[in-house]
PDB file of N, CA and C in Angstrom:
ATOM      1  N   MET A   1      79.086 174.763-101.623  1.00  0.00           N
ATOM      2  CA  MET A   1      78.139 175.829-101.821  1.00  0.00           C
ATOM      3  C   MET A   1      76.726 175.263-101.688  1.00  0.00           C
ATOM      4  N   VAL A   2      75.884 175.966-100.976  1.00  0.00           N
ATOM      5  CA  VAL A   2      74.513 175.518-100.753  1.00  0.00           C
ATOM      6  C   VAL A   2      73.629 176.069-101.859  1.00  0.00           C
ATOM      7  N   ARG A   3      72.849 175.206-102.432  1.00  0.00           N
ATOM      8  CA  ARG A   3      71.901 175.610-103.476  1.00  0.00           C
ATOM      9  C   ARG A   3      70.515 175.749-102.852  1.00  0.00           C
ATOM     10  N   LEU A   4      69.865 176.857-103.159  1.00  0.00           N
ATOM     11  CA  LEU A   4      68.505 177.074-102.685  1.00  0.00           C
ATOM     12  C   LEU A   4      67.527 176.817-103.815  1.00  0.00           C
ATOM     13  N   SER A   5      66.374 176.316-103.446  1.00  0.00           N
ATOM     14  CA  SER A   5      65.323 176.168-104.452  1.00  0.00           C
ATOM     15  C   SER A   5      64.816 177.557-104.807  1.00  0.00           C
ATOM     16  N   LYS A   6      64.075 177.658-105.881  1.00  0.00           N
ATOM     17  CA  LYS A   6      63.522 178.959-106.281  1.00  0.00           C
ATOM     18  C   LYS A   6      62.643 179.516-105.176  1.00  0.00           C
ATOM     19  N   LYS A   7      61.861 178.645-104.542  1.00  0.00           N
ATOM     20  CA  LYS A   7      60.982 179.075-103.454  1.00  0.00           C
ATOM     21  C   LYS A   7      61.812 179.601-102.279  1.00  0.00           C
ATOM     22  N   GLN A   8      62.862 178.870-101.907  1.00  0.00           N
ATOM     23  CA  GLN A   8      63.729 179.291-100.805  1.00  0.00           C
ATOM     24  C   GLN A   8      64.444 180.600-101.142  1.00  0.00           C
ATOM     25  N   ALA A   9      64.890 180.724-102.375  1.00  0.00           N
ATOM     26  CA  ALA A   9      65.572 181.949-102.806  1.00  0.00           C
ATOM     27  C   ALA A   9      64.623 183.138-102.741  1.00  0.00           C
ATOM     28  N   LYS A  10      63.379 182.936-103.178  1.00  0.00           N
ATOM     29  CA  LYS A  10      62.384 184.007-103.151  1.00  0.00           C
ATOM     30  C   LYS A  10      62.075 184.401-101.704  1.00  0.00           C
ATOM     31  N   GLU A  11      61.897 183.405-100.834  1.00  0.00           N
ATOM     32  CA  GLU A  11      61.625 183.680 -99.423  1.00  0.00           C
ATOM     33  C   GLU A  11      62.799 184.408 -98.773  1.00  0.00           C
ATOM     34  N   SER A  12      64.005 184.006 -99.116  1.00  0.00           N
ATOM     35  CA  SER A  12      65.195 184.651 -98.585  1.00  0.00           C
ATOM     36  C   SER A  12      65.268 186.109 -99.039  1.00  0.00           C
ATOM     37  N   GLU A  13      64.983 186.342-100.305  1.00  0.00           N
ATOM     38  CA  GLU A  13      64.989 187.706-100.853  1.00  0.00           C
ATOM     39  C   GLU A  13      63.923 188.560-100.179  1.00  0.00           C
ATOM     40  N   GLU A  14      62.738 188.004 -99.975  1.00  0.00           N
ATOM     41  CA  GLU A  14      61.657 188.739 -99.313  1.00  0.00           C
ATOM     42  C   GLU A  14      62.023 189.062 -97.867  1.00  0.00           C
ATOM     43  N   SER A  15      62.648 188.113 -97.185  1.00  0.00           N
ATOM     44  CA  SER A  15      63.090 188.347 -95.804  1.00  0.00           C
ATOM     45  C   SER A  15      64.141 189.450 -95.756  1.00  0.00           C
ATOM     46  N   PHE A  16      65.060 189.413 -96.704  1.00  0.00           N
ATOM     47  CA  PHE A  16      66.103 190.432 -96.778  1.00  0.00           C
ATOM     48  C   PHE A  16      65.485 191.812 -96.999  1.00  0.00           C
ATOM     49  N   LYS A  17      64.546 191.907 -97.937  1.00  0.00           N
ATOM     50  CA  LYS A  17      63.893 193.195 -98.212  1.00  0.00           C
ATOM     51  C   LYS A  17      63.140 193.695 -96.984  1.00  0.00           C
ATOM     52  N   ALA A  18      62.447 192.789 -96.297  1.00  0.00           N
ATOM     53  CA  ALA A  18      61.699 193.175 -95.099  1.00  0.00           C
ATOM     54  C   ALA A  18      62.643 193.693 -94.017  1.00  0.00           C
ATOM     55  N   MET A  19      63.766 193.016 -93.817  1.00  0.00           N
ATOM     56  CA  MET A  19      64.751 193.460 -92.828  1.00  0.00           C
ATOM     57  C   MET A  19      65.340 194.815 -93.216  1.00  0.00           C
ATOM     58  N   LYS A  20      65.623 194.982 -94.492  1.00  0.00           N
ATOM     59  CA  LYS A  20      66.187 196.241 -94.982  1.00  0.00           C
ATOM     60  C   LYS A  20      65.205 197.383 -94.745  1.00  0.00           C
ATOM     61  N   GLU A  21      63.913 197.146 -95.027  1.00  0.00           N
ATOM     62  CA  GLU A  21      62.893 198.171 -94.799  1.00  0.00           C
ATOM     63  C   GLU A  21      62.768 198.494 -93.315  1.00  0.00           C
ATOM     64  N   LEU A  22      62.827 197.471 -92.474  1.00  0.00           N
ATOM     65  CA  LEU A  22      62.729 197.673 -91.037  1.00  0.00           C
ATOM     66  C   LEU A  22      63.898 198.502 -90.524  1.00  0.00           C
ATOM     67  N   ILE A  23      65.091 198.173 -90.948  1.00  0.00           N
ATOM     68  CA  ILE A  23      66.279 198.925 -90.536  1.00  0.00           C
ATOM     69  C   ILE A  23      66.185 200.355 -91.042  1.00  0.00           C
ATOM     70  N   SER A  24      65.760 200.524 -92.278  1.00  0.00           N
ATOM     71  CA  SER A  24      65.623 201.859 -92.846  1.00  0.00           C
ATOM     72  C   SER A  24      64.604 202.673 -92.054  1.00  0.00           C
ATOM     73  N   LYS A  25      63.471 202.055 -91.697  1.00  0.00           N
ATOM     74  CA  LYS A  25      62.441 202.748 -90.925  1.00  0.00           C
ATOM     75  C   LYS A  25      62.982 203.138 -89.554  1.00  0.00           C
ATOM     76  N   GLU A  26      63.726 202.248 -88.909  1.00  0.00           N
ATOM     77  CA  GLU A  26      64.301 202.562 -87.603  1.00  0.00           C
ATOM     78  C   GLU A  26      65.301 203.707 -87.704  1.00  0.00           C
ATOM     79  N   GLU A  27      66.095 203.733 -88.773  1.00  0.00           N
ATOM     80  CA  GLU A  27      67.047 204.831 -88.967  1.00  0.00           C
ATOM     81  C   GLU A  27      66.312 206.149 -89.150  1.00  0.00           C
ATOM     82  N   VAL A  28      65.233 206.128 -89.929  1.00  0.00           N
ATOM     83  CA  VAL A  28      64.430 207.336 -90.146  1.00  0.00           C
ATOM     84  C   VAL A  28      63.801 207.779 -88.828  1.00  0.00           C
ATOM     85  N   ASP A  29      63.267 206.827 -88.060  1.00  0.00           N
ATOM     86  CA  ASP A  29      62.664 207.161 -86.772  1.00  0.00           C
ATOM     87  C   ASP A  29      63.684 207.803 -85.832  1.00  0.00           C
ATOM     88  N   LEU A  30      64.899 207.256 -85.785  1.00  0.00           N
ATOM     89  CA  LEU A  30      65.948 207.826 -84.934  1.00  0.00           C
ATOM     90  C   LEU A  30      66.328 209.231 -85.387  1.00  0.00           C
ATOM     91  N   LYS A  31      66.436 209.421 -86.691  1.00  0.00           N
ATOM     92  CA  LYS A  31      66.774 210.738 -87.243  1.00  0.00           C
ATOM     93  C   LYS A  31      65.683 211.742 -86.885  1.00  0.00           C
ATOM     94  N   ASN A  32      64.417 211.343 -87.065  1.00  0.00           N
ATOM     95  CA  ASN A  32      63.309 212.242 -86.753  1.00  0.00           C
ATOM     96  C   ASN A  32      63.249 212.564 -85.267  1.00  0.00           C
ATOM     97  N   GLU A  33      63.535 211.585 -84.424  1.00  0.00           N
ATOM     98  CA  GLU A  33      63.547 211.810 -82.978  1.00  0.00           C
ATOM     99  C   GLU A  33      64.635 212.818 -82.607  1.00  0.00           C
ATOM    100  N   LYS A  34      65.802 212.704 -83.217  1.00  0.00           N
ATOM    101  CA  LYS A  34      66.890 213.650 -82.953  1.00  0.00           C
ATOM    102  C   LYS A  34      66.502 215.055 -83.408  1.00  0.00           C
ATOM    103  N   LEU A  35      65.914 215.162 -84.599  1.00  0.00           N
ATOM    104  CA  LEU A  35      65.491 216.470 -85.099  1.00  0.00           C
ATOM    105  C   LEU A  35      64.440 217.087 -84.183  1.00  0.00           C
ATOM    106  N   PHE A  36      63.499 216.272 -83.713  1.00  0.00           N
ATOM    107  CA  PHE A  36      62.457 216.747 -82.809  1.00  0.00           C
ATOM    108  C   PHE A  36      63.073 217.257 -81.509  1.00  0.00           C
ATOM    109  N   ASN A  37      63.986 216.484 -80.940  1.00  0.00           N
ATOM    110  CA  ASN A  37      64.633 216.900 -79.693  1.00  0.00           C
ATOM    111  C   ASN A  37      65.476 218.155 -79.880  1.00  0.00           C
ATOM    112  N   ASP A  38      66.140 218.273 -81.022  1.00  0.00           N
ATOM    113  CA  ASP A  38      66.904 219.492 -81.316  1.00  0.00           C
ATOM    114  C   ASP A  38      65.974 220.702 -81.384  1.00  0.00           C
ATOM    115  N   SER A  39      64.813 220.537 -82.009  1.00  0.00           N
ATOM    116  CA  SER A  39      63.845 221.635 -82.114  1.00  0.00           C
ATOM    117  C   SER A  39      63.323 222.031 -80.737  1.00  0.00           C
ATOM    118  N   LYS A  40      63.034 221.041 -79.891  1.00  0.00           N
ATOM    119  CA  LYS A  40      62.574 221.333 -78.533  1.00  0.00           C
ATOM    120  C   LYS A  40      63.646 222.095 -77.756  1.00  0.00           C
ATOM    121  N   LYS A  41      64.899 221.686 -77.929  1.00  0.00           N
ATOM    122  CA  LYS A  41      66.002 222.359 -77.234  1.00  0.00           C
ATOM    123  C   LYS A  41      66.131 223.802 -77.715  1.00  0.00           C
ATOM    124  N   ASN A  42      66.037 224.016 -79.024  1.00  0.00           N
ATOM    125  CA  ASN A  42      66.123 225.372 -79.568  1.00  0.00           C
ATOM    126  C   ASN A  42      64.998 226.248 -79.029  1.00  0.00           C
ATOM    127  N   LEU A  43      63.788 225.700 -78.973  1.00  0.00           N
ATOM    128  CA  LEU A  43      62.649 226.451 -78.450  1.00  0.00           C
ATOM    129  C   LEU A  43      62.872 226.794 -76.978  1.00  0.00           C
ATOM    130  N   ALA A  44      63.272 225.814 -76.198  1.00  0.00           N
ATOM    131  CA  ALA A  44      63.499 226.042 -74.770  1.00  0.00           C
ATOM    132  C   ALA A  44      64.562 227.114 -74.549  1.00  0.00           C
ATOM    133  N   THR A  45      65.651 227.018 -75.287  1.00  0.00           N
ATOM    134  CA  THR A  45      66.738 227.995 -75.168  1.00  0.00           C
ATOM    135  C   THR A  45      66.248 229.389 -75.528  1.00  0.00           C
ATOM    136  N   GLU A  46      65.490 229.491 -76.602  1.00  0.00           N
ATOM    137  CA  GLU A  46      64.973 230.794 -77.042  1.00  0.00           C
ATOM    138  C   GLU A  46      64.056 231.408 -75.986  1.00  0.00           C
ATOM    139  N   VAL A  47      63.178 230.610 -75.415  1.00  0.00           N
ATOM    140  CA  VAL A  47      62.259 231.124 -74.395  1.00  0.00           C
ATOM    141  C   VAL A  47      63.035 231.575 -73.159  1.00  0.00           C
ATOM    142  N   VAL A  48      63.951 230.756 -72.687  1.00  0.00           N
ATOM    143  CA  VAL A  48      64.730 231.104 -71.486  1.00  0.00           C
ATOM    144  C   VAL A  48      65.539 232.378 -71.715  1.00  0.00           C
ATOM    145  N   GLU A  49      66.256 232.445 -72.831  1.00  0.00           N
ATOM    146  CA  GLU A  49      67.101 233.617 -73.095  1.00  0.00           C
ATOM    147  C   GLU A  49      66.271 234.885 -73.240  1.00  0.00           C
ATOM    148  N   THR A  50      65.154 234.796 -73.954  1.00  0.00           N
ATOM    149  CA  THR A  50      64.303 235.977 -74.138  1.00  0.00           C
ATOM    150  C   THR A  50      63.694 236.404 -72.809  1.00  0.00           C
ATOM    151  N   ARG A  51      63.190 235.450 -72.056  1.00  0.00           N
ATOM    152  CA  ARG A  51      62.589 235.752 -70.754  1.00  0.00           C
ATOM    153  C   ARG A  51      63.599 236.438 -69.839  1.00  0.00           C
ATOM    154  N   LYS A  52      64.808 235.901 -69.771  1.00  0.00           N
ATOM    155  CA  LYS A  52      65.833 236.482 -68.897  1.00  0.00           C
ATOM    156  C   LYS A  52      66.279 237.856 -69.378  1.00  0.00           C
ATOM    157  N   THR A  53      66.391 238.036 -70.698  1.00  0.00           N
ATOM    158  CA  THR A  53      66.759 239.342 -71.255  1.00  0.00           C
ATOM    159  C   THR A  53      65.735 240.403 -70.857  1.00  0.00           C
ATOM    160  N   LEU A  54      64.475 239.997 -70.786  1.00  0.00           N
ATOM    161  CA  LEU A  54      63.408 240.923 -70.407  1.00  0.00           C
ATOM    162  C   LEU A  54      63.280 241.082 -68.893  1.00  0.00           C
ATOM    163  N   GLY A  55      64.099 240.356 -68.141  1.00  0.00           N
ATOM    164  CA  GLY A  55      64.060 240.452 -66.683  1.00  0.00           C
ATOM    165  C   GLY A  55      62.853 239.767 -66.063  1.00  0.00           C
ATOM    166  N   LEU A  56      62.312 238.781 -66.752  1.00  0.00           N
ATOM    167  CA  LEU A  56      61.140 238.070 -66.248  1.00  0.00           C
ATOM    168  C   LEU A  56      61.547 236.741 -65.619  1.00  0.00           C
ATOM    169  N   ASN A  57      60.827 236.352 -64.587  1.00  0.00           N
ATOM    170  CA  ASN A  57      60.990 234.986 -64.093  1.00  0.00           C
ATOM    171  C   ASN A  57      59.845 234.148 -64.670  1.00  0.00           C
ATOM    172  N   GLN A  58      59.871 232.868 -64.402  1.00  0.00           N
ATOM    173  CA  GLN A  58      58.844 231.987 -64.967  1.00  0.00           C
ATOM    174  C   GLN A  58      57.444 232.392 -64.512  1.00  0.00           C
ATOM    175  N   TYR A  59      57.317 232.793 -63.268  1.00  0.00           N
ATOM    176  CA  TYR A  59      56.017 233.194 -62.739  1.00  0.00           C
ATOM    177  C   TYR A  59      55.461 234.393 -63.503  1.00  0.00           C
ATOM    178  N   HIS A  60      56.312 235.405 -63.734  1.00  0.00           N
ATOM    179  CA  HIS A  60      55.859 236.597 -64.463  1.00  0.00           C
ATOM    180  C   HIS A  60      55.440 236.240 -65.886  1.00  0.00           C
ATOM    181  N   LEU A  61      56.239 235.415 -66.566  1.00  0.00           N
ATOM    182  CA  LEU A  61      55.896 235.012 -67.930  1.00  0.00           C
ATOM    183  C   LEU A  61      54.593 234.225 -67.946  1.00  0.00           C
ATOM    184  N   ALA A  62      54.398 233.402 -66.946  1.00  0.00           N
ATOM    185  CA  ALA A  62      53.151 232.641 -66.848  1.00  0.00           C
ATOM    186  C   ALA A  62      51.958 233.581 -66.708  1.00  0.00           C
ATOM    187  N   GLU A  63      52.078 234.557 -65.841  1.00  0.00           N
ATOM    188  CA  GLU A  63      50.998 235.526 -65.643  1.00  0.00           C
ATOM    189  C   GLU A  63      50.685 236.289 -66.930  1.00  0.00           C
ATOM    190  N   LEU A  64      51.723 236.729 -67.617  1.00  0.00           N
ATOM    191  CA  LEU A  64      51.539 237.499 -68.849  1.00  0.00           C
ATOM    192  C   LEU A  64      50.954 236.668 -69.989  1.00  0.00           C
ATOM    193  N   SER A  65      51.280 235.393 -70.019  1.00  0.00           N
ATOM    194  CA  SER A  65      50.860 234.543 -71.139  1.00  0.00           C
ATOM    195  C   SER A  65      49.581 233.761 -70.864  1.00  0.00           C
ATOM    196  N   GLY A  66      49.118 233.796 -69.621  1.00  0.00           N
ATOM    197  CA  GLY A  66      47.927 233.026 -69.279  1.00  0.00           C
ATOM    198  C   GLY A  66      48.210 231.546 -69.091  1.00  0.00           C
ATOM    199  N   LYS A  67      49.463 231.212 -68.932  1.00  0.00           N
ATOM    200  CA  LYS A  67      49.875 229.822 -68.707  1.00  0.00           C
ATOM    201  C   LYS A  67      50.218 229.650 -67.232  1.00  0.00           C
ATOM    202  N   SER A  68      50.385 228.427 -66.814  1.00  0.00           N
ATOM    203  CA  SER A  68      50.836 228.191 -65.441  1.00  0.00           C
ATOM    204  C   SER A  68      52.362 228.274 -65.395  1.00  0.00           C
ATOM    205  N   GLN A  69      52.888 228.534 -64.212  1.00  0.00           N
ATOM    206  CA  GLN A  69      54.344 228.550 -64.057  1.00  0.00           C
ATOM    207  C   GLN A  69      54.900 227.174 -64.378  1.00  0.00           C
ATOM    208  N   GLY A  70      54.160 226.135 -64.028  1.00  0.00           N
ATOM    209  CA  GLY A  70      54.586 224.771 -64.326  1.00  0.00           C
ATOM    210  C   GLY A  70      54.682 224.513 -65.822  1.00  0.00           C
ATOM    211  N   ALA A  71      53.745 225.085 -66.584  1.00  0.00           N
ATOM    212  CA  ALA A  71      53.781 224.917 -68.047  1.00  0.00           C
ATOM    213  C   ALA A  71      55.019 225.587 -68.628  1.00  0.00           C
ATOM    214  N   ILE A  72      55.356 226.757 -68.104  1.00  0.00           N
ATOM    215  CA  ILE A  72      56.568 227.450 -68.564  1.00  0.00           C
ATOM    216  C   ILE A  72      57.797 226.618 -68.201  1.00  0.00           C
ATOM    217  N   ALA A  73      57.831 226.093 -66.989  1.00  0.00           N
ATOM    218  CA  ALA A  73      58.969 225.277 -66.548  1.00  0.00           C
ATOM    219  C   ALA A  73      59.107 224.027 -67.417  1.00  0.00           C
ATOM    220  N   ARG A  74      57.994 223.371 -67.722  1.00  0.00           N
ATOM    221  CA  ARG A  74      58.057 222.161 -68.559  1.00  0.00           C
ATOM    222  C   ARG A  74      58.555 222.486 -69.963  1.00  0.00           C
ATOM    223  N   LEU A  75      58.136 223.617 -70.512  1.00  0.00           N
ATOM    224  CA  LEU A  75      58.621 224.018 -71.839  1.00  0.00           C
ATOM    225  C   LEU A  75      60.129 224.259 -71.786  1.00  0.00           C
ATOM    226  N   GLU A  76      60.566 224.983 -70.757  1.00  0.00           N
ATOM    227  CA  GLU A  76      61.982 225.339 -70.649  1.00  0.00           C
ATOM    228  C   GLU A  76      62.884 224.144 -70.353  1.00  0.00           C
ATOM    229  N   THR A  77      62.326 223.084 -69.813  1.00  0.00           N
ATOM    230  CA  THR A  77      63.117 221.883 -69.525  1.00  0.00           C
ATOM    231  C   THR A  77      62.825 220.767 -70.523  1.00  0.00           C
ATOM    232  N   MET A  78      62.153 221.109 -71.604  1.00  0.00           N
ATOM    233  CA  MET A  78      61.856 220.188 -72.711  1.00  0.00           C
ATOM    234  C   MET A  78      61.025 218.986 -72.263  1.00  0.00           C
ATOM    235  N   LYS A  79      60.168 219.188 -71.280  1.00  0.00           N
ATOM    236  CA  LYS A  79      59.328 218.097 -70.786  1.00  0.00           C
ATOM    237  C   LYS A  79      57.894 218.205 -71.284  1.00  0.00           C
ATOM    238  N   SER A  80      57.663 219.090 -72.248  1.00  0.00           N
ATOM    239  CA  SER A  80      56.325 219.216 -72.819  1.00  0.00           C
ATOM    240  C   SER A  80      56.439 219.409 -74.321  1.00  0.00           C
ATOM    241  N   ASN A  81      55.336 219.227 -74.974  1.00  0.00           N
ATOM    242  CA  ASN A  81      55.250 219.451 -76.419  1.00  0.00           C
ATOM    243  C   ASN A  81      54.155 220.483 -76.665  1.00  0.00           C
ATOM    244  N   PRO A  82      54.471 221.760 -76.457  1.00  0.00           N
ATOM    245  CA  PRO A  82      53.440 222.788 -76.577  1.00  0.00           C
ATOM    246  C   PRO A  82      52.943 222.924 -78.010  1.00  0.00           C
ATOM    247  N   THR A  83      51.712 223.380 -78.121  1.00  0.00           N
ATOM    248  CA  THR A  83      51.141 223.627 -79.443  1.00  0.00           C
ATOM    249  C   THR A  83      51.717 224.913 -80.017  1.00  0.00           C
ATOM    250  N   LEU A  84      51.552 225.084 -81.303  1.00  0.00           N
ATOM    251  CA  LEU A  84      51.992 226.327 -81.938  1.00  0.00           C
ATOM    252  C   LEU A  84      51.237 227.509 -81.339  1.00  0.00           C
ATOM    253  N   LYS A  85      49.961 227.304 -81.032  1.00  0.00           N
ATOM    254  CA  LYS A  85      49.179 228.370 -80.406  1.00  0.00           C
ATOM    255  C   LYS A  85      49.779 228.738 -79.047  1.00  0.00           C
ATOM    256  N   GLY A  86      50.112 227.737 -78.243  1.00  0.00           N
ATOM    257  CA  GLY A  86      50.710 227.997 -76.933  1.00  0.00           C
ATOM    258  C   GLY A  86      52.044 228.711 -77.045  1.00  0.00           C
ATOM    259  N   ILE A  87      52.852 228.286 -77.998  1.00  0.00           N
ATOM    260  CA  ILE A  87      54.145 228.938 -78.227  1.00  0.00           C
ATOM    261  C   ILE A  87      53.925 230.390 -78.633  1.00  0.00           C
ATOM    262  N   SER A  88      52.951 230.621 -79.501  1.00  0.00           N
ATOM    263  CA  SER A  88      52.647 231.986 -79.952  1.00  0.00           C
ATOM    264  C   SER A  88      52.167 232.856 -78.798  1.00  0.00           C
ATOM    265  N   GLU A  89      51.373 232.284 -77.902  1.00  0.00           N
ATOM    266  CA  GLU A  89      50.889 233.044 -76.744  1.00  0.00           C
ATOM    267  C   GLU A  89      52.044 233.419 -75.816  1.00  0.00           C
ATOM    268  N   ILE A  90      52.957 232.510 -75.619  1.00  0.00           N
ATOM    269  CA  ILE A  90      54.125 232.795 -74.771  1.00  0.00           C
ATOM    270  C   ILE A  90      55.008 233.846 -75.434  1.00  0.00           C
ATOM    271  N   ALA A  91      55.238 233.705 -76.729  1.00  0.00           N
ATOM    272  CA  ALA A  91      56.041 234.699 -77.457  1.00  0.00           C
ATOM    273  C   ALA A  91      55.367 236.068 -77.401  1.00  0.00           C
ATOM    274  N   GLY A  92      54.062 236.094 -77.633  1.00  0.00           N
ATOM    275  CA  GLY A  92      53.317 237.354 -77.599  1.00  0.00           C
ATOM    276  C   GLY A  92      53.402 238.037 -76.249  1.00  0.00           C
ATOM    277  N   ALA A  93      53.419 237.248 -75.180  1.00  0.00           N
ATOM    278  CA  ALA A  93      53.539 237.808 -73.832  1.00  0.00           C
ATOM    279  C   ALA A  93      54.878 238.506 -73.639  1.00  0.00           C
ATOM    280  N   MET A  94      55.869 238.131 -74.453  1.00  0.00           N
ATOM    281  CA  MET A  94      57.191 238.769 -74.389  1.00  0.00           C
ATOM    282  C   MET A  94      57.354 239.780 -75.521  1.00  0.00           C
ATOM    283  N   ASN A  95      56.224 240.137 -76.155  1.00  0.00           N
ATOM    284  CA  ASN A  95      56.206 241.081 -77.274  1.00  0.00           C
ATOM    285  C   ASN A  95      57.058 240.583 -78.442  1.00  0.00           C
ATOM    286  N   LYS A  96      56.977 239.293 -78.683  1.00  0.00           N
ATOM    287  CA  LYS A  96      57.714 238.653 -79.779  1.00  0.00           C
ATOM    288  C   LYS A  96      56.725 237.896 -80.650  1.00  0.00           C
ATOM    289  N   LYS A  97      57.140 237.611 -81.879  1.00  0.00           N
ATOM    290  CA  LYS A  97      56.339 236.758 -82.751  1.00  0.00           C
ATOM    291  C   LYS A  97      57.146 235.504 -83.060  1.00  0.00           C
ATOM    292  N   VAL A  98      56.445 234.454 -83.423  1.00  0.00           N
ATOM    293  CA  VAL A  98      57.096 233.194 -83.762  1.00  0.00           C
ATOM    294  C   VAL A  98      57.448 233.222 -85.237  1.00  0.00           C
ATOM    295  N   ASN A  99      58.678 232.847 -85.550  1.00  0.00           N
ATOM    296  CA  ASN A  99      59.144 232.775 -86.932  1.00  0.00           C
ATOM    297  C   ASN A  99      59.703 231.378 -87.148  1.00  0.00           C
ATOM    298  N   ILE A 100      59.052 230.600 -87.981  1.00  0.00           N
ATOM    299  CA  ILE A 100      59.496 229.227 -88.230  1.00  0.00           C
ATOM    300  C   ILE A 100      60.320 229.202 -89.507  1.00  0.00           C
ATOM    301  N   VAL A 101      61.509 228.625 -89.413  1.00  0.00           N
ATOM    302  CA  VAL A 101      62.418 228.550 -90.556  1.00  0.00           C
ATOM    303  C   VAL A 101      62.812 227.097 -90.753  1.00  0.00           C
ATOM    304  N   PHE A 102      62.671 226.616 -91.971  1.00  0.00           N
ATOM    305  CA  PHE A 102      63.138 225.279 -92.306  1.00  0.00           C
ATOM    306  C   PHE A 102      64.568 225.399 -92.814  1.00  0.00           C
ATOM    307  N   GLU A 103      65.472 224.678 -92.173  1.00  0.00           N
ATOM    308  CA  GLU A 103      66.883 224.725 -92.542  1.00  0.00           C
ATOM    309  C   GLU A 103      67.328 223.361 -93.043  1.00  0.00           C
ATOM    310  N   ASP A 104      68.382 223.359 -93.848  1.00  0.00           N
ATOM    311  CA  ASP A 104      68.946 222.100 -94.310  1.00  0.00           C
ATOM    312  C   ASP A 104      69.500 221.325 -93.126  1.00  0.00           C
ATOM    313  N   ILE A 105      69.374 220.015 -93.183  1.00  0.00           N
ATOM    314  CA  ILE A 105      69.918 219.153 -92.142  1.00  0.00           C
ATOM    315  C   ILE A 105      71.400 218.975 -92.405  1.00  0.00           C
ATOM    316  N   GLU A 106      72.188 219.164 -91.376  1.00  0.00           N
ATOM    317  CA  GLU A 106      73.645 219.030 -91.521  1.00  0.00           C
ATOM    318  C   GLU A 106      74.069 217.596 -91.375  1.00  0.00           C
TER     319      GLU A 106
END
């Protein structure tokens, strides 16, 4: 059995705590990234389904909302991070309002 000095034991404990914090932070970052991507997917799906239900194409929605067709396409393909104001403007163009709900994480 290897005996550590008090200094070595303290350094080992500090290293362990630092590694544990780093791993914990990485796990939290991964969880948050997944939640963010899930939210983007939900938003994109909602916009596409609502737009299609109303018989609009991306160009028409862009014209009604004051956005570019490219901005609508990027939102629908999850390649942008629109502001709440932008989301509200797009929803308003479809005669909808934005309703944000916080749900428990499964």
